[in-house]
């Protein structure tokens, strides 16, 4: 993916949302399920901050499919490549 495609995929996202998206991009080949709490611990955000920003990340145009998956002990997100 060229630089222009990456820029387009993050257009309209806040810096925090772009950070979350990059985190998911970097790990989607090794993991499928991500907990908001664990993403937050890695990035220095609260689980609530991650959860409140994930909808915008999921709705943005990029190469990932992001679906809210479960709620036990922190919201879990299923992330796969489109």
Protein backbone atom coordinates (compact mmCIF):
# COMPACT_ATOMS: atom_id res chain seq x y z
CA UNK A 1 0.00 0.00 0.00
CA UNK A 2 1.45 3.36 -0.98
CA UNK A 3 1.66 6.38 1.28
CA UNK A 4 -1.34 8.04 -0.40
CA UNK A 5 -3.54 5.01 0.35
CA UNK A 6 -2.52 5.12 4.02
CA UNK A 7 -3.28 8.83 4.17
CA UNK A 8 -6.71 8.30 2.61
CA UNK A 9 -7.56 5.54 5.05
CA UNK A 10 -6.90 7.80 8.03
CA UNK A 11 -8.56 10.93 6.66
CA UNK A 12 -11.10 12.21 9.15
CA UNK A 13 -9.69 10.21 12.05
CA UNK A 14 -8.28 11.88 15.14
CA UNK A 15 -4.65 11.23 16.11
CA UNK A 16 -5.86 8.83 18.83
CA UNK A 17 -7.99 6.93 16.30
CA UNK A 18 -5.06 6.75 13.85
CA UNK A 19 -2.89 5.35 16.65
CA UNK A 20 -5.46 2.64 17.38
CA UNK A 21 -5.78 1.82 13.67
CA UNK A 22 -2.01 1.51 13.31
CA UNK A 23 -1.88 -0.74 16.38
CA UNK A 24 -4.46 -3.05 14.78
CA UNK A 25 -2.69 -3.00 11.40
CA UNK A 26 0.58 -3.98 13.04
CA UNK A 27 -0.97 -6.99 14.79
CA UNK A 28 -3.80 -8.27 12.58
CA UNK A 29 -1.57 -10.92 10.98
CA UNK A 30 -0.84 -12.46 14.41
CA UNK A 31 -4.14 -11.84 16.25
CA UNK A 32 -7.85 -11.77 15.41
CA UNK A 33 -9.46 -10.68 18.68
CA UNK A 34 -8.49 -7.53 20.59
CA UNK A 35 -9.80 -6.34 23.97
CA UNK A 36 -10.22 -2.61 24.47
CA UNK A 37 -8.55 -2.91 27.87
CA UNK A 38 -5.42 -4.55 26.43
CA UNK A 39 -5.20 -2.10 23.52
CA UNK A 40 -5.44 0.72 26.04
CA UNK A 41 -2.70 -0.76 28.22
CA UNK A 42 -0.38 -0.99 25.21
CA UNK A 43 -1.11 2.53 23.96
CA UNK A 44 -1.52 4.39 27.25
CA UNK A 45 -5.28 4.93 26.84
CA UNK A 46 -8.11 3.81 29.08
CA UNK A 47 -10.36 0.99 27.91
CA UNK A 48 -13.16 3.55 27.70
CA UNK A 49 -11.06 5.79 25.40
CA UNK A 50 -10.34 2.85 23.12
CA UNK A 51 -13.96 1.72 23.07
CA UNK A 52 -15.30 5.19 22.35
CA UNK A 53 -12.89 5.61 19.43
CA UNK A 54 -13.22 2.13 17.91
CA UNK A 55 -16.54 2.88 16.17
CA UNK A 56 -14.92 5.68 14.15
CA UNK A 57 -11.95 3.43 13.39
CA UNK A 58 -14.29 0.61 12.34
CA UNK A 59 -16.33 2.94 10.12
CA UNK A 60 -13.30 4.48 8.36
CA UNK A 61 -12.23 3.22 4.95
CA UNK A 62 -9.21 0.95 5.26
CA UNK A 63 -8.14 -2.62 4.65
CA UNK A 64 -9.42 -4.00 7.96
CA UNK A 65 -12.83 -5.36 8.92
CA UNK A 66 -13.51 -4.46 12.56
CA UNK A 67 -16.54 -5.88 14.35
CA UNK A 68 -17.58 -5.58 17.97
CA UNK A 69 -17.48 -9.15 19.22
CA UNK A 70 -18.11 -9.42 22.96
CA UNK A 71 -18.32 -7.62 26.29
CA UNK A 72 -16.88 -9.94 28.93
CA UNK A 73 -14.22 -8.19 31.05
CA UNK A 74 -13.75 -5.51 28.35
CA UNK A 75 -15.19 -5.12 24.89
CA UNK A 76 -13.59 -7.48 22.39
CA UNK A 77 -13.17 -6.59 18.73
CA UNK A 78 -12.75 -9.07 15.89
CA UNK A 79 -10.29 -7.65 13.35
CA UNK A 80 -9.56 -9.27 9.99
CA UNK A 81 -8.12 -8.08 6.70
CA UNK A 82 -10.74 -7.20 4.11
